[in-house]
């Protein structure tokens, strides 16, 4: 089972920063590609449960990266 998700950001710099922030923690079955201001994320697993677990981890990491960038820009 494979999942593809796209996430739009205001600009390419933000997309690159988020990609770098989550890239270090990603296992080899998670791919993150940047196309301009869009991140394309692909991940797979042998079962729906494993894909769901990866999804939860990945989206939590994305959210943390986005909140951190937002906070850093305010200060």
C-alpha atoms as a PDB file:
ATOM      1  CA  UNK A   1       0.000   0.000   0.000  1.00  0.00           C
ATOM      2  CA  UNK A   2       1.375   3.423  -0.982  1.00  0.00           C
ATOM      3  CA  UNK A   3       0.175   6.907  -0.057  1.00  0.00           C
ATOM      4  CA  UNK A   4       0.955  10.196  -1.788  1.00  0.00           C
ATOM      5  CA  UNK A   5       0.227  13.553  -0.174  1.00  0.00           C
ATOM      6  CA  UNK A   6       0.868  17.088  -1.372  1.00  0.00           C
ATOM      7  CA  UNK A   7       1.347  20.073   0.864  1.00  0.00           C
ATOM      8  CA  UNK A   8       1.418  23.660  -0.434  1.00  0.00           C
ATOM      9  CA  UNK A   9       3.448  26.399   1.235  1.00  0.00           C
ATOM     10  CA  UNK A  10       3.572  30.161   0.653  1.00  0.00           C
ATOM     11  CA  UNK A  11       6.960  29.930  -1.066  1.00  0.00           C
ATOM     12  CA  UNK A  12       9.763  27.569  -2.085  1.00  0.00           C
ATOM     13  CA  UNK A  13      11.951  28.598   0.868  1.00  0.00           C
ATOM     14  CA  UNK A  14       9.325  27.518   3.380  1.00  0.00           C
ATOM     15  CA  UNK A  15       8.781  24.232   1.554  1.00  0.00           C
ATOM     16  CA  UNK A  16      12.529  23.565   1.576  1.00  0.00           C
ATOM     17  CA  UNK A  17      12.823  24.348   5.283  1.00  0.00           C
ATOM     18  CA  UNK A  18       9.973  21.984   6.143  1.00  0.00           C
ATOM     19  CA  UNK A  19      11.446  19.261   3.917  1.00  0.00           C
ATOM     20  CA  UNK A  20      14.800  19.555   5.675  1.00  0.00           C
ATOM     21  CA  UNK A  21      13.189  19.558   9.106  1.00  0.00           C
ATOM     22  CA  UNK A  22      11.316  16.313   8.536  1.00  0.00           C
ATOM     23  CA  UNK A  23      13.889  14.645   6.290  1.00  0.00           C
ATOM     24  CA  UNK A  24      16.305  13.622   9.029  1.00  0.00           C
ATOM     25  CA  UNK A  25      13.702  11.505  10.813  1.00  0.00           C
ATOM     26  CA  UNK A  26      12.239   9.757   7.806  1.00  0.00           C
ATOM     27  CA  UNK A  27      12.835   6.055   7.278  1.00  0.00           C
ATOM     28  CA  UNK A  28      13.877   4.875   3.793  1.00  0.00           C
ATOM     29  CA  UNK A  29      10.292   4.039   2.782  1.00  0.00           C
ATOM     30  CA  UNK A  30       9.281   7.713   3.082  1.00  0.00           C
ATOM     31  CA  UNK A  31      10.203  10.028   0.219  1.00  0.00           C
ATOM     32  CA  UNK A  32       9.900  13.801   0.358  1.00  0.00           C
ATOM     33  CA  UNK A  33      10.275  15.791  -2.847  1.00  0.00           C
ATOM     34  CA  UNK A  34       9.960  19.528  -3.334  1.00  0.00           C
ATOM     35  CA  UNK A  35       8.575  21.073  -6.491  1.00  0.00           C
ATOM     36  CA  UNK A  36       8.673  24.836  -6.008  1.00  0.00           C
ATOM     37  CA  UNK A  37       6.460  25.631  -3.046  1.00  0.00           C
ATOM     38  CA  UNK A  38       4.884  22.163  -2.983  1.00  0.00           C
ATOM     39  CA  UNK A  39       6.068  19.161  -1.000  1.00  0.00           C
ATOM     40  CA  UNK A  40       5.154  15.750  -2.351  1.00  0.00           C
ATOM     41  CA  UNK A  41       5.369  13.003   0.241  1.00  0.00           C
ATOM     42  CA  UNK A  42       5.181   9.298  -0.567  1.00  0.00           C
ATOM     43  CA  UNK A  43       5.300   6.419   1.848  1.00  0.00           C
ATOM     44  CA  UNK A  44       4.385   2.795   1.817  1.00  0.00           C
ATOM     45  CA  UNK A  45       3.955  -0.190   4.051  1.00  0.00           C
ATOM     46  CA  UNK A  46       2.920  -3.814   3.941  1.00  0.00           C
ATOM     47  CA  UNK A  47      -0.375  -3.260   5.788  1.00  0.00           C
ATOM     48  CA  UNK A  48      -2.952  -0.534   6.260  1.00  0.00           C
ATOM     49  CA  UNK A  49      -2.001  -0.377   9.937  1.00  0.00           C
ATOM     50  CA  UNK A  50       1.664   0.294   9.160  1.00  0.00           C
ATOM     51  CA  UNK A  51       0.756   2.960   6.602  1.00  0.00           C
ATOM     52  CA  UNK A  52      -1.547   4.568   9.146  1.00  0.00           C
ATOM     53  CA  UNK A  53       1.187   4.608  11.797  1.00  0.00           C
ATOM     54  CA  UNK A  54       3.635   6.177   9.346  1.00  0.00           C
ATOM     55  CA  UNK A  55       0.990   8.725   8.340  1.00  0.00           C
ATOM     56  CA  UNK A  56       0.420   9.758  11.932  1.00  0.00           C
ATOM     57  CA  UNK A  57       4.149  10.130  12.572  1.00  0.00           C
ATOM     58  CA  UNK A  58       4.746  12.001   9.332  1.00  0.00           C
ATOM     59  CA  UNK A  59       1.890  14.466   9.812  1.00  0.00           C
ATOM     60  CA  UNK A  60       2.924  15.092  13.419  1.00  0.00           C
ATOM     61  CA  UNK A  61       6.451  15.895  12.200  1.00  0.00           C
ATOM     62  CA  UNK A  62       5.099  18.197   9.497  1.00  0.00           C
ATOM     63  CA  UNK A  63       2.944  20.042  12.002  1.00  0.00           C
ATOM     64  CA  UNK A  64       5.839  20.456  14.430  1.00  0.00           C
ATOM     65  CA  UNK A  65       8.093  21.793  11.661  1.00  0.00           C
ATOM     66  CA  UNK A  66       5.418  24.228  10.472  1.00  0.00           C
ATOM     67  CA  UNK A  67       4.734  25.533  13.975  1.00  0.00           C
ATOM     68  CA  UNK A  68       8.449  25.925  14.674  1.00  0.00           C
ATOM     69  CA  UNK A  69       8.990  27.908  11.468  1.00  0.00           C
ATOM     70  CA  UNK A  70       5.976  30.082  12.181  1.00  0.00           C
ATOM     71  CA  UNK A  71       7.211  30.805  15.700  1.00  0.00           C
ATOM     72  CA  UNK A  72      10.756  31.533  14.527  1.00  0.00           C
ATOM     73  CA  UNK A  73       9.516  34.043  11.965  1.00  0.00           C
ATOM     74  CA  UNK A  74       7.574  35.962  14.600  1.00  0.00           C
ATOM     75  CA  UNK A  75      10.686  36.544  16.695  1.00  0.00           C
END
